[in-house]
PDB file of N, CA and C in Angstrom:
ATOM      1  N   MET A   1       0.849  -1.172   0.000  1.00  0.00           N
ATOM      2  CA  MET A   1       0.000   0.000   0.000  1.00  0.00           C
ATOM      3  C   MET A   1       0.892   1.232   0.000  1.00  0.00           C
ATOM      4  N   THR A   2       0.538   2.194  -0.808  1.00  0.00           N
ATOM      5  CA  THR A   2       1.271   3.453  -0.820  1.00  0.00           C
ATOM      6  C   THR A   2       0.310   4.581  -0.476  1.00  0.00           C
ATOM      7  N   LEU A   3       0.855   5.629   0.046  1.00  0.00           N
ATOM      8  CA  LEU A   3       0.077   6.792   0.429  1.00  0.00           C
ATOM      9  C   LEU A   3       0.377   7.913  -0.548  1.00  0.00           C
ATOM     10  N   SER A   4      -0.617   8.354  -1.279  1.00  0.00           N
ATOM     11  CA  SER A   4      -0.449   9.456  -2.219  1.00  0.00           C
ATOM     12  C   SER A   4      -0.906  10.739  -1.556  1.00  0.00           C
ATOM     13  N   LEU A   5      -0.024  11.711  -1.526  1.00  0.00           N
ATOM     14  CA  LEU A   5      -0.361  13.009  -0.939  1.00  0.00           C
ATOM     15  C   LEU A   5      -0.634  14.005  -2.053  1.00  0.00           C
ATOM     16  N   PRO A   6      -1.596  14.890  -1.843  1.00  0.00           N
ATOM     17  CA  PRO A   6      -1.879  15.912  -2.855  1.00  0.00           C
ATOM     18  C   PRO A   6      -0.719  16.894  -2.968  1.00  0.00           C
ATOM     19  N   GLU A   7      -0.639  17.540  -4.106  1.00  0.00           N
ATOM     20  CA  GLU A   7       0.383  18.555  -4.327  1.00  0.00           C
ATOM     21  C   GLU A   7       0.171  19.725  -3.375  1.00  0.00           C
ATOM     22  N   GLY A   8       1.228  20.419  -3.061  1.00  0.00           N
ATOM     23  CA  GLY A   8       1.115  21.624  -2.247  1.00  0.00           C
ATOM     24  C   GLY A   8       1.933  21.532  -0.978  1.00  0.00           C
ATOM     25  N   GLU A   9       2.023  22.676  -0.300  1.00  0.00           N
ATOM     26  CA  GLU A   9       2.742  22.737   0.968  1.00  0.00           C
ATOM     27  C   GLU A   9       1.743  22.593   2.109  1.00  0.00           C
ATOM     28  N   PHE A  10       2.155  21.882   3.143  1.00  0.00           N
ATOM     29  CA  PHE A  10       1.284  21.634   4.282  1.00  0.00           C
ATOM     30  C   PHE A  10       1.970  22.094   5.559  1.00  0.00           C
ATOM     31  N   GLN A  11       1.194  22.603   6.472  1.00  0.00           N
ATOM     32  CA  GLN A  11       1.720  23.026   7.770  1.00  0.00           C
ATOM     33  C   GLN A  11       1.847  21.835   8.719  1.00  0.00           C
ATOM     34  N   ALA A  12       1.052  20.805   8.475  1.00  0.00           N
ATOM     35  CA  ALA A  12       1.070  19.639   9.356  1.00  0.00           C
ATOM     36  C   ALA A  12       0.460  18.442   8.635  1.00  0.00           C
ATOM     37  N   TYR A  13       0.753  17.254   9.142  1.00  0.00           N
ATOM     38  CA  TYR A  13       0.134  16.014   8.674  1.00  0.00           C
ATOM     39  C   TYR A  13      -0.534  15.375   9.876  1.00  0.00           C
ATOM     40  N   LEU A  14      -1.703  14.840   9.674  1.00  0.00           N
ATOM     41  CA  LEU A  14      -2.458  14.200  10.751  1.00  0.00           C
ATOM     42  C   LEU A  14      -2.582  12.713  10.453  1.00  0.00           C
ATOM     43  N   PHE A  15      -2.100  11.892  11.364  1.00  0.00           N
ATOM     44  CA  PHE A  15      -2.217  10.444  11.233  1.00  0.00           C
ATOM     45  C   PHE A  15      -3.237   9.963  12.254  1.00  0.00           C
ATOM     46  N   ASP A  16      -4.345   9.478  11.769  1.00  0.00           N
ATOM     47  CA  ASP A  16      -5.451   9.022  12.616  1.00  0.00           C
ATOM     48  C   ASP A  16      -5.291   7.523  12.846  1.00  0.00           C
ATOM     49  N   CYS A  17      -4.513   7.151  13.849  1.00  0.00           N
ATOM     50  CA  CYS A  17      -4.189   5.739  14.063  1.00  0.00           C
ATOM     51  C   CYS A  17      -5.221   4.999  14.900  1.00  0.00           C
ATOM     52  N   ASP A  18      -6.176   5.693  15.454  1.00  0.00           N
ATOM     53  CA  ASP A  18      -7.160   4.994  16.292  1.00  0.00           C
ATOM     54  C   ASP A  18      -8.591   5.152  15.801  1.00  0.00           C
ATOM     55  N   GLY A  19      -8.768   5.696  14.601  1.00  0.00           N
ATOM     56  CA  GLY A  19     -10.100   5.768  14.016  1.00  0.00           C
ATOM     57  C   GLY A  19     -10.973   6.875  14.547  1.00  0.00           C
ATOM     58  N   THR A  20     -10.402   7.862  15.204  1.00  0.00           N
ATOM     59  CA  THR A  20     -11.195   8.956  15.752  1.00  0.00           C
ATOM     60  C   THR A  20     -11.776   9.841  14.657  1.00  0.00           C
ATOM     61  N   ILE A  21     -11.009  10.111  13.633  1.00  0.00           N
ATOM     62  CA  ILE A  21     -11.444  11.013  12.574  1.00  0.00           C
ATOM     63  C   ILE A  21     -12.067  10.247  11.409  1.00  0.00           C
ATOM     64  N   ALA A  22     -11.486   9.139  11.049  1.00  0.00           N
ATOM     65  CA  ALA A  22     -12.003   8.311   9.949  1.00  0.00           C
ATOM     66  C   ALA A  22     -12.293   6.910  10.483  1.00  0.00           C
ATOM     67  N   ASP A  23     -13.390   6.330  10.061  1.00  0.00           N
ATOM     68  CA  ASP A  23     -13.752   4.988  10.492  1.00  0.00           C
ATOM     69  C   ASP A  23     -12.912   3.975   9.717  1.00  0.00           C
ATOM     70  N   SER A  24     -11.830   3.536  10.331  1.00  0.00           N
ATOM     71  CA  SER A  24     -10.923   2.599   9.673  1.00  0.00           C
ATOM     72  C   SER A  24     -11.189   1.149  10.074  1.00  0.00           C
ATOM     73  N   MET A  25     -12.220   0.916  10.884  1.00  0.00           N
ATOM     74  CA  MET A  25     -12.505  -0.444  11.348  1.00  0.00           C
ATOM     75  C   MET A  25     -12.771  -1.425  10.205  1.00  0.00           C
ATOM     76  N   PRO A  26     -13.533  -1.069   9.167  1.00  0.00           N
ATOM     77  CA  PRO A  26     -13.736  -2.030   8.073  1.00  0.00           C
ATOM     78  C   PRO A  26     -12.420  -2.453   7.406  1.00  0.00           C
ATOM     79  N   LEU A  27     -11.493  -1.525   7.218  1.00  0.00           N
ATOM     80  CA  LEU A  27     -10.192  -1.866   6.633  1.00  0.00           C
ATOM     81  C   LEU A  27      -9.351  -2.676   7.612  1.00  0.00           C
ATOM     82  N   HIS A  28      -9.462  -2.366   8.883  1.00  0.00           N
ATOM     83  CA  HIS A  28      -8.744  -3.100   9.913  1.00  0.00           C
ATOM     84  C   HIS A  28      -9.218  -4.554   9.941  1.00  0.00           C
ATOM     85  N   TYR A  29     -10.514  -4.759   9.788  1.00  0.00           N
ATOM     86  CA  TYR A  29     -11.054  -6.116   9.744  1.00  0.00           C
ATOM     87  C   TYR A  29     -10.504  -6.887   8.544  1.00  0.00           C
ATOM     88  N   ILE A  30     -10.451  -6.256   7.395  1.00  0.00           N
ATOM     89  CA  ILE A  30      -9.906  -6.900   6.196  1.00  0.00           C
ATOM     90  C   ILE A  30      -8.440  -7.273   6.420  1.00  0.00           C
ATOM     91  N   ALA A  31      -7.679  -6.394   7.076  1.00  0.00           N
ATOM     92  CA  ALA A  31      -6.272  -6.683   7.355  1.00  0.00           C
ATOM     93  C   ALA A  31      -6.134  -7.908   8.262  1.00  0.00           C
ATOM     94  N   TRP A  32      -6.974  -7.994   9.306  1.00  0.00           N
ATOM     95  CA  TRP A  32      -6.949  -9.169  10.187  1.00  0.00           C
ATOM     96  C   TRP A  32      -7.298 -10.437   9.403  1.00  0.00           C
ATOM     97  N   ARG A  33      -8.344 -10.344   8.604  1.00  0.00           N
ATOM     98  CA  ARG A  33      -8.777 -11.512   7.830  1.00  0.00           C
ATOM     99  C   ARG A  33      -7.675 -11.984   6.881  1.00  0.00           C
ATOM    100  N   ASN A  34      -7.007 -11.038   6.220  1.00  0.00           N
ATOM    101  CA  ASN A  34      -5.910 -11.381   5.310  1.00  0.00           C
ATOM    102  C   ASN A  34      -4.719 -11.963   6.061  1.00  0.00           C
ATOM    103  N   ALA A  35      -4.443 -11.436   7.251  1.00  0.00           N
ATOM    104  CA  ALA A  35      -3.319 -11.943   8.039  1.00  0.00           C
ATOM    105  C   ALA A  35      -3.566 -13.370   8.514  1.00  0.00           C
ATOM    106  N   LEU A  36      -4.808 -13.720   8.793  1.00  0.00           N
ATOM    107  CA  LEU A  36      -5.146 -15.049   9.308  1.00  0.00           C
ATOM    108  C   LEU A  36      -5.404 -16.080   8.209  1.00  0.00           C
ATOM    109  N   ALA A  37      -5.644 -15.626   6.998  1.00  0.00           N
ATOM    110  CA  ALA A  37      -6.009 -16.523   5.893  1.00  0.00           C
ATOM    111  C   ALA A  37      -4.996 -17.634   5.613  1.00  0.00           C
ATOM    112  N   PRO A  38      -3.692 -17.366   5.642  1.00  0.00           N
ATOM    113  CA  PRO A  38      -2.742 -18.447   5.347  1.00  0.00           C
ATOM    114  C   PRO A  38      -2.848 -19.642   6.300  1.00  0.00           C
ATOM    115  N   TRP A  39      -3.420 -19.417   7.473  1.00  0.00           N
ATOM    116  CA  TRP A  39      -3.575 -20.482   8.458  1.00  0.00           C
ATOM    117  C   TRP A  39      -5.011 -21.004   8.517  1.00  0.00           C
ATOM    118  N   ASN A  40      -5.826 -20.621   7.536  1.00  0.00           N
ATOM    119  CA  ASN A  40      -7.234 -21.034   7.492  1.00  0.00           C
ATOM    120  C   ASN A  40      -7.952 -20.768   8.808  1.00  0.00           C
ATOM    121  N   CYS A  41      -7.605 -19.656   9.412  1.00  0.00           N
ATOM    122  CA  CYS A  41      -8.203 -19.267  10.690  1.00  0.00           C
ATOM    123  C   CYS A  41      -9.339 -18.283  10.421  1.00  0.00           C
ATOM    124  N   SER A  42     -10.522 -18.641  10.834  1.00  0.00           N
ATOM    125  CA  SER A  42     -11.655 -17.745  10.614  1.00  0.00           C
ATOM    126  C   SER A  42     -11.738 -16.719  11.738  1.00  0.00           C
ATOM    127  N   PHE A  43     -12.230 -15.561  11.406  1.00  0.00           N
ATOM    128  CA  PHE A  43     -12.393 -14.470  12.373  1.00  0.00           C
ATOM    129  C   PHE A  43     -13.623 -13.696  11.910  1.00  0.00           C
ATOM    130  N   SER A  44     -14.748 -13.979  12.523  1.00  0.00           N
ATOM    131  CA  SER A  44     -15.995 -13.372  12.059  1.00  0.00           C
ATOM    132  C   SER A  44     -15.997 -11.864  12.313  1.00  0.00           C
ATOM    133  N   GLU A  45     -16.736 -11.168  11.481  1.00  0.00           N
ATOM    134  CA  GLU A  45     -16.843  -9.718  11.638  1.00  0.00           C
ATOM    135  C   GLU A  45     -17.523  -9.370  12.955  1.00  0.00           C
ATOM    136  N   ASP A  46     -18.503 -10.160  13.366  1.00  0.00           N
ATOM    137  CA  ASP A  46     -19.171  -9.915  14.656  1.00  0.00           C
ATOM    138  C   ASP A  46     -18.183 -10.015  15.808  1.00  0.00           C
ATOM    139  N   LEU A  47     -17.334 -11.045  15.793  1.00  0.00           N
ATOM    140  CA  LEU A  47     -16.341 -11.209  16.849  1.00  0.00           C
ATOM    141  C   LEU A  47     -15.321 -10.081  16.806  1.00  0.00           C
ATOM    142  N   PHE A  48     -14.907  -9.706  15.605  1.00  0.00           N
ATOM    143  CA  PHE A  48     -13.963  -8.596  15.452  1.00  0.00           C
ATOM    144  C   PHE A  48     -14.499  -7.340  16.137  1.00  0.00           C
ATOM    145  N   TYR A  49     -15.746  -6.998  15.881  1.00  0.00           N
ATOM    146  CA  TYR A  49     -16.315  -5.789  16.486  1.00  0.00           C
ATOM    147  C   TYR A  49     -16.551  -5.963  17.992  1.00  0.00           C
ATOM    148  N   ALA A  50     -16.835  -7.172  18.424  1.00  0.00           N
ATOM    149  CA  ALA A  50     -17.012  -7.416  19.861  1.00  0.00           C
ATOM    150  C   ALA A  50     -15.692  -7.209  20.604  1.00  0.00           C
ATOM    151  N   TRP A  51     -14.581  -7.497  19.937  1.00  0.00           N
ATOM    152  CA  TRP A  51     -13.269  -7.354  20.564  1.00  0.00           C
ATOM    153  C   TRP A  51     -12.630  -5.994  20.279  1.00  0.00           C
ATOM    154  N   ALA A  52     -13.361  -5.069  19.697  1.00  0.00           N
ATOM    155  CA  ALA A  52     -12.815  -3.731  19.404  1.00  0.00           C
ATOM    156  C   ALA A  52     -12.261  -3.110  20.669  1.00  0.00           C
ATOM    157  N   GLY A  53     -11.084  -2.576  20.579  1.00  0.00           N
ATOM    158  CA  GLY A  53     -10.445  -1.924  21.718  1.00  0.00           C
ATOM    159  C   GLY A  53      -9.534  -2.844  22.510  1.00  0.00           C
ATOM    160  N   PHE A  54      -9.599  -4.155  22.268  1.00  0.00           N
ATOM    161  CA  PHE A  54      -8.675  -5.080  22.939  1.00  0.00           C
ATOM    162  C   PHE A  54      -7.286  -4.881  22.371  1.00  0.00           C
ATOM    163  N   ALA A  55      -6.278  -5.108  23.194  1.00  0.00           N
ATOM    164  CA  ALA A  55      -4.892  -5.074  22.726  1.00  0.00           C
ATOM    165  C   ALA A  55      -4.670  -6.239  21.772  1.00  0.00           C
ATOM    166  N   VAL A  56      -3.777  -6.043  20.804  1.00  0.00           N
ATOM    167  CA  VAL A  56      -3.505  -7.088  19.813  1.00  0.00           C
ATOM    168  C   VAL A  56      -3.063  -8.381  20.498  1.00  0.00           C
ATOM    169  N   ALA A  57      -2.225  -8.289  21.513  1.00  0.00           N
ATOM    170  CA  ALA A  57      -1.746  -9.492  22.211  1.00  0.00           C
ATOM    171  C   ALA A  57      -2.907 -10.255  22.821  1.00  0.00           C
ATOM    172  N   LYS A  58      -3.905  -9.542  23.345  1.00  0.00           N
ATOM    173  CA  LYS A  58      -5.067 -10.224  23.934  1.00  0.00           C
ATOM    174  C   LYS A  58      -5.882 -10.910  22.850  1.00  0.00           C
ATOM    175  N   ILE A  59      -6.088 -10.241  21.714  1.00  0.00           N
ATOM    176  CA  ILE A  59      -6.841 -10.839  20.610  1.00  0.00           C
ATOM    177  C   ILE A  59      -6.160 -12.122  20.151  1.00  0.00           C
ATOM    178  N   ILE A  60      -4.854 -12.068  19.987  1.00  0.00           N
ATOM    179  CA  ILE A  60      -4.123 -13.255  19.530  1.00  0.00           C
ATOM    180  C   ILE A  60      -4.236 -14.384  20.549  1.00  0.00           C
ATOM    181  N   SER A  61      -4.147 -14.053  21.842  1.00  0.00           N
ATOM    182  CA  SER A  61      -4.237 -15.111  22.845  1.00  0.00           C
ATOM    183  C   SER A  61      -5.625 -15.727  22.906  1.00  0.00           C
ATOM    184  N   LEU A  62      -6.647 -14.919  22.617  1.00  0.00           N
ATOM    185  CA  LEU A  62      -8.012 -15.451  22.620  1.00  0.00           C
ATOM    186  C   LEU A  62      -8.256 -16.332  21.414  1.00  0.00           C
TER     187      LEU A  62
END
């Protein structure tokens, strides 16, 4: 994945890493699903949203 920035000068860049400004949960779910696919591990969307906010280490242990 590459990030394309528009032309021009900017005073600042904002990285929304926790989904406060943009709802990135649907893309985050796709990333989890793709990461687990090589091991044929299912991860339902309902479970993904139920575990929202859990630390990655906790999700993996569960």
